[in-house]
PDB file of all heavy atoms in Angstrom:
ATOM      1  N   ARG A   1     -77.110 -32.941 -63.403  1.00  0.00           N
ATOM      2  CA  ARG A   1     -76.868 -32.392 -62.041  1.00  0.00           C
ATOM      3  C   ARG A   1     -75.349 -32.561 -61.678  1.00  0.00           C
ATOM      4  O   ARG A   1     -74.752 -31.709 -61.064  1.00  0.00           O
ATOM      5  CB  ARG A   1     -77.792 -33.015 -61.073  1.00  0.00           C
ATOM      6  CG  ARG A   1     -77.813 -32.395 -59.673  1.00  0.00           C
ATOM      7  CD  ARG A   1     -78.929 -32.965 -58.917  1.00  0.00           C
ATOM      8  NE  ARG A   1     -78.938 -32.497 -57.554  1.00  0.00           N
ATOM      9  CZ  ARG A   1     -79.886 -32.788 -56.656  1.00  0.00           C
ATOM     10  NH1 ARG A   1     -80.922 -33.471 -57.005  1.00  0.00           N
ATOM     11  NH2 ARG A   1     -79.789 -32.315 -55.431  1.00  0.00           N
ATOM     12  N   ALA A   2     -74.853 -33.718 -61.968  1.00  0.00           N
ATOM     13  CA  ALA A   2     -73.472 -34.138 -61.599  1.00  0.00           C
ATOM     14  C   ALA A   2     -72.479 -33.198 -62.391  1.00  0.00           C
ATOM     15  O   ALA A   2     -71.464 -32.755 -61.735  1.00  0.00           O
ATOM     16  CB  ALA A   2     -73.174 -35.615 -61.990  1.00  0.00           C
ATOM     17  N   ARG A   3     -72.755 -32.836 -63.587  1.00  0.00           N
ATOM     18  CA  ARG A   3     -71.883 -31.940 -64.359  1.00  0.00           C
ATOM     19  C   ARG A   3     -71.834 -30.548 -63.749  1.00  0.00           C
ATOM     20  O   ARG A   3     -70.808 -29.882 -63.624  1.00  0.00           O
ATOM     21  CB  ARG A   3     -72.368 -31.874 -65.816  1.00  0.00           C
ATOM     22  CG  ARG A   3     -71.356 -31.112 -66.713  1.00  0.00           C
ATOM     23  CD  ARG A   3     -70.136 -31.977 -66.874  1.00  0.00           C
ATOM     24  NE  ARG A   3     -69.159 -31.347 -67.772  1.00  0.00           N
ATOM     25  CZ  ARG A   3     -68.016 -30.779 -67.451  1.00  0.00           C
ATOM     26  NH1 ARG A   3     -67.678 -30.875 -66.084  1.00  0.00           N
ATOM     27  NH2 ARG A   3     -67.171 -30.321 -68.300  1.00  0.00           N
ATOM     28  N   ILE A   4     -73.053 -30.031 -63.355  1.00  0.00           N
ATOM     29  CA  ILE A   4     -73.091 -28.701 -62.736  1.00  0.00           C
ATOM     30  C   ILE A   4     -72.304 -28.765 -61.402  1.00  0.00           C
ATOM     31  O   ILE A   4     -71.613 -27.791 -61.039  1.00  0.00           O
ATOM     32  CB  ILE A   4     -74.505 -28.320 -62.474  1.00  0.00           C
ATOM     33  CG1 ILE A   4     -75.269 -27.990 -63.775  1.00  0.00           C
ATOM     34  CG2 ILE A   4     -74.659 -27.100 -61.550  1.00  0.00           C
ATOM     35  CD1 ILE A   4     -74.725 -26.793 -64.576  1.00  0.00           C
ATOM     36  N   ALA A   5     -72.450 -29.879 -60.675  1.00  0.00           N
ATOM     37  CA  ALA A   5     -71.672 -29.989 -59.341  1.00  0.00           C
ATOM     38  C   ALA A   5     -70.180 -29.953 -59.636  1.00  0.00           C
ATOM     39  O   ALA A   5     -69.466 -29.293 -58.816  1.00  0.00           O
ATOM     40  CB  ALA A   5     -72.097 -31.367 -58.653  1.00  0.00           C
ATOM     41  N   GLU A   6     -69.786 -30.587 -60.674  1.00  0.00           N
ATOM     42  CA  GLU A   6     -68.318 -30.577 -61.009  1.00  0.00           C
ATOM     43  C   GLU A   6     -67.832 -29.169 -61.340  1.00  0.00           C
ATOM     44  O   GLU A   6     -66.736 -28.737 -60.905  1.00  0.00           O
ATOM     45  CB  GLU A   6     -68.046 -31.470 -62.198  1.00  0.00           C
ATOM     46  CG  GLU A   6     -68.187 -33.006 -61.863  1.00  0.00           C
ATOM     47  CD  GLU A   6     -68.052 -33.799 -63.140  1.00  0.00           C
ATOM     48  OE1 GLU A   6     -67.753 -33.220 -64.265  1.00  0.00           O
ATOM     49  OE2 GLU A   6     -68.169 -35.047 -63.069  1.00  0.00           O
ATOM     50  N   LEU A   7     -68.654 -28.479 -62.104  1.00  0.00           N
ATOM     51  CA  LEU A   7     -68.336 -27.113 -62.454  1.00  0.00           C
ATOM     52  C   LEU A   7     -68.263 -26.211 -61.260  1.00  0.00           C
ATOM     53  O   LEU A   7     -67.391 -25.386 -61.116  1.00  0.00           O
ATOM     54  CB  LEU A   7     -69.357 -26.585 -63.527  1.00  0.00           C
ATOM     55  CG  LEU A   7     -69.276 -27.208 -64.886  1.00  0.00           C
ATOM     56  CD1 LEU A   7     -70.476 -26.760 -65.730  1.00  0.00           C
ATOM     57  CD2 LEU A   7     -67.994 -26.861 -65.641  1.00  0.00           C
ATOM     58  N   ALA A   8     -69.227 -26.382 -60.384  1.00  0.00           N
ATOM     59  CA  ALA A   8     -69.265 -25.545 -59.180  1.00  0.00           C
ATOM     60  C   ALA A   8     -68.036 -25.871 -58.293  1.00  0.00           C
ATOM     61  O   ALA A   8     -67.425 -24.886 -57.711  1.00  0.00           O
ATOM     62  CB  ALA A   8     -70.563 -25.830 -58.353  1.00  0.00           C
ATOM     63  N   GLU A   9     -67.678 -27.117 -58.205  1.00  0.00           N
ATOM     64  CA  GLU A   9     -66.503 -27.457 -57.357  1.00  0.00           C
ATOM     65  C   GLU A   9     -65.229 -26.825 -57.966  1.00  0.00           C
ATOM     66  O   GLU A   9     -64.260 -26.517 -57.275  1.00  0.00           O
ATOM     67  CB  GLU A   9     -66.370 -28.986 -57.326  1.00  0.00           C
ATOM     68  CG  GLU A   9     -65.237 -29.483 -56.451  1.00  0.00           C
ATOM     69  CD  GLU A   9     -65.192 -30.984 -56.403  1.00  0.00           C
ATOM     70  OE1 GLU A   9     -66.104 -31.657 -56.967  1.00  0.00           O
ATOM     71  OE2 GLU A   9     -64.249 -31.526 -55.761  1.00  0.00           O
ATOM     72  N   GLY A  10     -65.162 -26.681 -59.265  1.00  0.00           N
ATOM     73  CA  GLY A  10     -64.014 -26.083 -59.943  1.00  0.00           C
ATOM     74  C   GLY A  10     -64.108 -24.571 -59.985  1.00  0.00           C
ATOM     75  O   GLY A  10     -63.223 -23.906 -60.600  1.00  0.00           O
ATOM     76  N   GLY A  11     -65.070 -24.022 -59.301  1.00  0.00           N
ATOM     77  CA  GLY A  11     -65.172 -22.480 -59.325  1.00  0.00           C
ATOM     78  C   GLY A  11     -65.740 -21.887 -60.542  1.00  0.00           C
ATOM     79  O   GLY A  11     -65.560 -20.668 -60.746  1.00  0.00           O
ATOM     80  N   ALA A  12     -66.468 -22.645 -61.389  1.00  0.00           N
ATOM     81  CA  ALA A  12     -66.913 -22.197 -62.658  1.00  0.00           C
ATOM     82  C   ALA A  12     -68.355 -21.678 -62.589  1.00  0.00           C
ATOM     83  O   ALA A  12     -68.941 -21.278 -63.585  1.00  0.00           O
ATOM     84  CB  ALA A  12     -66.798 -23.292 -63.669  1.00  0.00           C
ATOM     85  N   VAL A  13     -68.958 -21.666 -61.389  1.00  0.00           N
ATOM     86  CA  VAL A  13     -70.345 -21.218 -61.228  1.00  0.00           C
ATOM     87  C   VAL A  13     -70.378 -20.039 -60.264  1.00  0.00           C
ATOM     88  O   VAL A  13     -69.803 -20.121 -59.113  1.00  0.00           O
ATOM     89  CB  VAL A  13     -71.226 -22.309 -60.770  1.00  0.00           C
ATOM     90  CG1 VAL A  13     -72.693 -21.832 -60.528  1.00  0.00           C
ATOM     91  CG2 VAL A  13     -71.220 -23.527 -61.664  1.00  0.00           C
ATOM     92  N   ARG A  14     -70.967 -18.924 -60.647  1.00  0.00           N
ATOM     93  CA  ARG A  14     -71.132 -17.753 -59.801  1.00  0.00           C
ATOM     94  C   ARG A  14     -72.557 -17.286 -59.764  1.00  0.00           C
ATOM     95  O   ARG A  14     -73.238 -17.291 -60.777  1.00  0.00           O
ATOM     96  CB  ARG A  14     -70.222 -16.622 -60.254  1.00  0.00           C
ATOM     97  CG  ARG A  14     -68.673 -16.934 -60.026  1.00  0.00           C
ATOM     98  CD  ARG A  14     -67.849 -15.716 -60.360  1.00  0.00           C
ATOM     99  NE  ARG A  14     -67.804 -15.516 -61.878  1.00  0.00           N
ATOM    100  CZ  ARG A  14     -66.939 -16.233 -62.608  1.00  0.00           C
ATOM    101  NH1 ARG A  14     -66.150 -17.184 -62.101  1.00  0.00           N
ATOM    102  NH2 ARG A  14     -66.941 -15.999 -63.897  1.00  0.00           N
ATOM    103  N   LEU A  15     -73.010 -16.891 -58.563  1.00  0.00           N
ATOM    104  CA  LEU A  15     -74.255 -16.303 -58.337  1.00  0.00           C
ATOM    105  C   LEU A  15     -74.065 -14.845 -57.875  1.00  0.00           C
ATOM    106  O   LEU A  15     -73.388 -14.625 -56.889  1.00  0.00           O
ATOM    107  CB  LEU A  15     -75.051 -17.019 -57.298  1.00  0.00           C
ATOM    108  CG  LEU A  15     -75.666 -18.469 -57.653  1.00  0.00           C
ATOM    109  CD1 LEU A  15     -76.326 -19.019 -56.534  1.00  0.00           C
ATOM    110  CD2 LEU A  15     -76.629 -18.330 -58.862  1.00  0.00           C
ATOM    111  N   ASP A  16     -74.635 -13.916 -58.668  1.00  0.00           N
ATOM    112  CA  ASP A  16     -74.522 -12.473 -58.366  1.00  0.00           C
ATOM    113  C   ASP A  16     -72.953 -12.120 -58.147  1.00  0.00           C
ATOM    114  O   ASP A  16     -72.642 -11.394 -57.186  1.00  0.00           O
ATOM    115  CB  ASP A  16     -75.318 -12.075 -57.127  1.00  0.00           C
ATOM    116  CG  ASP A  16     -76.781 -12.063 -57.434  1.00  0.00           C
ATOM    117  OD1 ASP A  16     -77.072 -11.849 -58.710  1.00  0.00           O
ATOM    118  OD2 ASP A  16     -77.658 -12.258 -56.585  1.00  0.00           O
ATOM    119  N   GLY A  17     -72.110 -12.767 -58.920  1.00  0.00           N
ATOM    120  CA  GLY A  17     -70.683 -12.425 -58.860  1.00  0.00           C
ATOM    121  C   GLY A  17     -69.872 -13.188 -57.853  1.00  0.00           C
ATOM    122  O   GLY A  17     -68.625 -13.064 -57.835  1.00  0.00           O
ATOM    123  N   LYS A  18     -70.558 -13.981 -57.034  1.00  0.00           N
ATOM    124  CA  LYS A  18     -69.785 -14.766 -55.986  1.00  0.00           C
ATOM    125  C   LYS A  18     -69.832 -16.252 -56.350  1.00  0.00           C
ATOM    126  O   LYS A  18     -70.782 -16.771 -56.840  1.00  0.00           O
ATOM    127  CB  LYS A  18     -70.503 -14.588 -54.654  1.00  0.00           C
ATOM    128  CG  LYS A  18     -70.503 -13.087 -54.182  1.00  0.00           C
ATOM    129  CD  LYS A  18     -71.211 -12.984 -52.869  1.00  0.00           C
ATOM    130  CE  LYS A  18     -71.244 -11.552 -52.350  1.00  0.00           C
ATOM    131  NZ  LYS A  18     -71.962 -11.383 -51.096  1.00  0.00           N
ATOM    132  N   PRO A  19     -68.708 -16.938 -56.098  1.00  0.00           N
ATOM    133  CA  PRO A  19     -68.607 -18.403 -56.362  1.00  0.00           C
ATOM    134  C   PRO A  19     -69.710 -19.135 -55.606  1.00  0.00           C
ATOM    135  O   PRO A  19     -70.000 -18.805 -54.500  1.00  0.00           O
ATOM    136  CB  PRO A  19     -67.193 -18.805 -55.807  1.00  0.00           C
ATOM    137  CG  PRO A  19     -66.390 -17.474 -55.869  1.00  0.00           C
ATOM    138  CD  PRO A  19     -67.400 -16.454 -55.499  1.00  0.00           C
ATOM    139  N   ALA A  20     -70.332 -20.114 -56.268  1.00  0.00           N
ATOM    140  CA  ALA A  20     -71.359 -20.910 -55.675  1.00  0.00           C
ATOM    141  C   ALA A  20     -71.014 -22.361 -55.515  1.00  0.00           C
ATOM    142  O   ALA A  20     -70.303 -22.886 -56.411  1.00  0.00           O
ATOM    143  CB  ALA A  20     -72.638 -20.725 -56.523  1.00  0.00           C
ATOM    144  N   THR A  21     -71.427 -22.977 -54.464  1.00  0.00           N
ATOM    145  CA  THR A  21     -71.235 -24.388 -54.279  1.00  0.00           C
ATOM    146  C   THR A  21     -72.515 -25.152 -54.815  1.00  0.00           C
ATOM    147  O   THR A  21     -73.526 -24.483 -55.020  1.00  0.00           O
ATOM    148  CB  THR A  21     -71.083 -24.795 -52.817  1.00  0.00           C
ATOM    149  OG1 THR A  21     -72.303 -24.570 -52.039  1.00  0.00           O
ATOM    150  CG2 THR A  21     -69.936 -23.903 -52.178  1.00  0.00           C
ATOM    151  N   LYS A  22     -72.415 -26.438 -54.991  1.00  0.00           N
ATOM    152  CA  LYS A  22     -73.513 -27.186 -55.530  1.00  0.00           C
ATOM    153  C   LYS A  22     -74.762 -27.149 -54.645  1.00  0.00           C
ATOM    154  O   LYS A  22     -75.871 -27.292 -55.150  1.00  0.00           O
ATOM    155  CB  LYS A  22     -73.095 -28.595 -55.806  1.00  0.00           C
ATOM    156  CG  LYS A  22     -72.782 -29.413 -54.564  1.00  0.00           C
ATOM    157  CD  LYS A  22     -72.418 -30.839 -54.899  1.00  0.00           C
ATOM    158  CE  LYS A  22     -72.136 -31.707 -53.578  1.00  0.00           C
ATOM    159  NZ  LYS A  22     -71.815 -33.074 -53.991  1.00  0.00           N
ATOM    160  N   SER A  23     -74.531 -26.942 -53.334  1.00  0.00           N
ATOM    161  CA  SER A  23     -75.651 -27.028 -52.408  1.00  0.00           C
ATOM    162  C   SER A  23     -76.263 -25.678 -52.071  1.00  0.00           C
ATOM    163  O   SER A  23     -77.229 -25.542 -51.228  1.00  0.00           O
ATOM    164  CB  SER A  23     -75.263 -27.739 -51.066  1.00  0.00           C
ATOM    165  OG  SER A  23     -74.149 -27.110 -50.457  1.00  0.00           O
ATOM    166  N   ASP A  24     -75.648 -24.611 -52.571  1.00  0.00           N
ATOM    167  CA  ASP A  24     -76.243 -23.262 -52.379  1.00  0.00           C
ATOM    168  C   ASP A  24     -77.609 -23.220 -52.938  1.00  0.00           C
ATOM    169  O   ASP A  24     -77.946 -24.005 -53.828  1.00  0.00           O
ATOM    170  CB  ASP A  24     -75.338 -22.148 -52.958  1.00  0.00           C
ATOM    171  CG  ASP A  24     -74.064 -21.878 -52.201  1.00  0.00           C
ATOM    172  OD1 ASP A  24     -74.025 -22.305 -51.017  1.00  0.00           O
ATOM    173  OD2 ASP A  24     -73.130 -21.291 -52.758  1.00  0.00           O
ATOM    174  N   ARG A  25     -78.409 -22.294 -52.466  1.00  0.00           N
ATOM    175  CA  ARG A  25     -79.791 -22.130 -52.951  1.00  0.00           C
ATOM    176  C   ARG A  25     -79.894 -20.960 -53.912  1.00  0.00           C
ATOM    177  O   ARG A  25     -79.285 -19.931 -53.745  1.00  0.00           O
ATOM    178  CB  ARG A  25     -80.802 -21.952 -51.845  1.00  0.00           C
ATOM    179  CG  ARG A  25     -80.836 -23.096 -50.798  1.00  0.00           C
ATOM    180  CD  ARG A  25     -81.577 -24.292 -51.450  1.00  0.00           C
ATOM    181  NE  ARG A  25     -81.480 -25.522 -50.582  1.00  0.00           N
ATOM    182  CZ  ARG A  25     -82.171 -26.612 -50.845  1.00  0.00           C
ATOM    183  NH1 ARG A  25     -82.997 -26.633 -51.922  1.00  0.00           N
ATOM    184  NH2 ARG A  25     -82.063 -27.654 -50.034  1.00  0.00           N
ATOM    185  N   LEU A  26     -80.581 -21.184 -55.040  1.00  0.00           N
ATOM    186  CA  LEU A  26     -80.901 -20.208 -55.988  1.00  0.00           C
ATOM    187  C   LEU A  26     -82.002 -19.239 -55.451  1.00  0.00           C
ATOM    188  O   LEU A  26     -82.860 -19.642 -54.763  1.00  0.00           O
ATOM    189  CB  LEU A  26     -81.370 -20.761 -57.341  1.00  0.00           C
ATOM    190  CG  LEU A  26     -80.376 -21.751 -58.036  1.00  0.00           C
ATOM    191  CD1 LEU A  26     -81.013 -22.369 -59.213  1.00  0.00           C
ATOM    192  CD2 LEU A  26     -79.127 -20.959 -58.428  1.00  0.00           C
ATOM    193  N   HIS A  27     -82.004 -17.987 -55.923  1.00  0.00           N
ATOM    194  CA  HIS A  27     -83.098 -17.096 -55.641  1.00  0.00           C
ATOM    195  C   HIS A  27     -83.523 -16.362 -56.940  1.00  0.00           C
ATOM    196  O   HIS A  27     -82.612 -16.103 -57.816  1.00  0.00           O
ATOM    197  CB  HIS A  27     -82.770 -16.082 -54.543  1.00  0.00           C
ATOM    198  CG  HIS A  27     -81.621 -15.216 -54.807  1.00  0.00           C
ATOM    199  ND1 HIS A  27     -80.360 -15.591 -54.468  1.00  0.00           N
ATOM    200  CD2 HIS A  27     -81.539 -13.944 -55.323  1.00  0.00           C
ATOM    201  CE1 HIS A  27     -79.506 -14.596 -54.804  1.00  0.00           C
ATOM    202  NE2 HIS A  27     -80.164 -13.601 -55.364  1.00  0.00           N
ATOM    203  N   ALA A  28     -84.783 -16.211 -57.133  1.00  0.00           N
ATOM    204  CA  ALA A  28     -85.314 -15.636 -58.341  1.00  0.00           C
ATOM    205  C   ALA A  28     -84.645 -14.290 -58.667  1.00  0.00           C
ATOM    206  O   ALA A  28     -84.523 -13.444 -57.827  1.00  0.00           O
ATOM    207  CB  ALA A  28     -86.832 -15.508 -58.244  1.00  0.00           C
ATOM    208  N   GLY A  29     -84.239 -14.113 -59.978  1.00  0.00           N
ATOM    209  CA  GLY A  29     -83.635 -12.842 -60.381  1.00  0.00           C
ATOM    210  C   GLY A  29     -82.169 -12.800 -60.181  1.00  0.00           C
ATOM    211  O   GLY A  29     -81.579 -11.840 -60.715  1.00  0.00           O
ATOM    212  N   ALA A  30     -81.564 -13.823 -59.543  1.00  0.00           N
ATOM    213  CA  ALA A  30     -80.098 -13.790 -59.350  1.00  0.00           C
ATOM    214  C   ALA A  30     -79.411 -13.932 -60.740  1.00  0.00           C
ATOM    215  O   ALA A  30     -79.859 -14.645 -61.597  1.00  0.00           O
ATOM    216  CB  ALA A  30     -79.657 -14.874 -58.484  1.00  0.00           C
ATOM    217  N   LEU A  31     -78.213 -13.289 -60.846  1.00  0.00           N
ATOM    218  CA  LEU A  31     -77.435 -13.415 -62.073  1.00  0.00           C
ATOM    219  C   LEU A  31     -76.560 -14.660 -61.967  1.00  0.00           C
ATOM    220  O   LEU A  31     -75.784 -14.770 -61.011  1.00  0.00           O
ATOM    221  CB  LEU A  31     -76.572 -12.133 -62.250  1.00  0.00           C
ATOM    222  CG  LEU A  31     -75.659 -12.159 -63.472  1.00  0.00           C
ATOM    223  CD1 LEU A  31     -76.411 -12.156 -64.716  1.00  0.00           C
ATOM    224  CD2 LEU A  31     -74.650 -10.980 -63.420  1.00  0.00           C
ATOM    225  N   VAL A  32     -76.748 -15.498 -62.926  1.00  0.00           N
ATOM    226  CA  VAL A  32     -75.908 -16.840 -62.937  1.00  0.00           C
ATOM    227  C   VAL A  32     -74.895 -16.718 -64.035  1.00  0.00           C
ATOM    228  O   VAL A  32     -75.206 -16.324 -65.182  1.00  0.00           O
ATOM    229  CB  VAL A  32     -76.849 -18.013 -63.208  1.00  0.00           C
ATOM    230  CG1 VAL A  32     -75.987 -19.338 -63.279  1.00  0.00           C
ATOM    231  CG2 VAL A  32     -77.909 -18.125 -62.104  1.00  0.00           C
ATOM    232  N   GLU A  33     -73.655 -17.060 -63.708  1.00  0.00           N
ATOM    233  CA  GLU A  33     -72.566 -17.083 -64.630  1.00  0.00           C
ATOM    234  C   GLU A  33     -71.930 -18.481 -64.579  1.00  0.00           C
ATOM    235  O   GLU A  33     -71.536 -18.951 -63.486  1.00  0.00           O
ATOM    236  CB  GLU A  33     -71.517 -16.068 -64.363  1.00  0.00           C
ATOM    237  CG  GLU A  33     -72.067 -14.651 -64.407  1.00  0.00           C
ATOM    238  CD  GLU A  33     -70.991 -13.634 -63.893  1.00  0.00           C
ATOM    239  OE1 GLU A  33     -70.977 -13.460 -62.642  1.00  0.00           O
ATOM    240  OE2 GLU A  33     -70.258 -13.084 -64.659  1.00  0.00           O
TER     241      GLU A  33
END
């Protein structure tokens, strides 16, 4: 979980094309990059 948080903080995580923070919520069917 800490590694994902680091990646999100560095802008390496996107949900449906938008940057995501570690505390954002996932929704079923969303595209994760």
